[in-house]
Amino acid sequence: MKTESSQGKHNLRFYLLLLILVIGGIFIFFMLNDGKNEPTITNAVVTDLETDLDEDIFNSEIKTKRIVSQEKNEIVFQLAVDTVPTATKEAKAKQIELGFSDTTARIKINNDKLELNDLSEVRLQVDGFVGEIVFNDGHLSFDGTAKRINVNGVAFSSSQKDLKLSFTNLEYQSLVLRELELAEVEFSKGSGTFNVGEKLQYVIDDEEIQLAAFAGDLKIDRVNMTSVSLEGITEGISISGNTLGLSLQ
């Protein structure tokens, strides 16, 4: 029959053996993971969670950038200034109305000179114009093609091909370009106003103006004093002067 003393020694040896096995198992576990990139159970959960979050944020940023890059910024605006454009590139206009009294100007339609000697005032209407428009100190030059040309009620048109239209340094009184498209527009120093709806109103005071791609209407009145107005959309505008400036894109 076992005594209480021998039974207590037996229990002590059992617990010591169990403790040694547990400590040994922990030691072996850490030895197997030492020097490896494999994470422990706790680290694996945290690492996977962080990776998923990083991937979600990264994908979200990519989607945002793609949306922005695919959509062009368009600024709807109105511009009124007292100076005409100084330079333009190739232009497209659905309709042009030009008023002038300079009958000495050499206007050519399909390389034939248009005779204007008996006219005191000329109203030239051009439909479907594609070509170059150059402004030069109160004078105007055109070089391009048109679908239809009307001079004081006399129409010129061709069902087979476009009409060629050209003139240089024409002194004019008024000009209206409807549904005009330009790659860019530049104005020398002038004064006026620039509005973006009701959100922005900017007073132009002896400042230069540059417009990126423009689509809209342009009107010029030079009867009393030069008055220029543009209304439409642009991809960007820069107004710069001696003190302040404005840049929108």
Foldseek 3Di string as FASTA:
>chain_A
DDDPVVVVVVVVVVVVVVVVVVVVVVVVVVVVCPPDPDDDPVVVVVVVVVVVVVVVVVVVVVVVVVVPVVDFDKFFKKWKWQFAWADFFKKWFQKKWFKAQPQVWFKDKQNDTDHDVPPRMKIKMFGTWIGGWHDDDQFIWTWTWTQWMAIPRRIDHDPPDTITIITGRGRTFKMKTFFMWTQKTKTAFTWTWMDRPVPDIDTRDRKIKIFGIWTGMWIWGPPPGTMIMTGGMTSKMWIDDDPDIDIDD
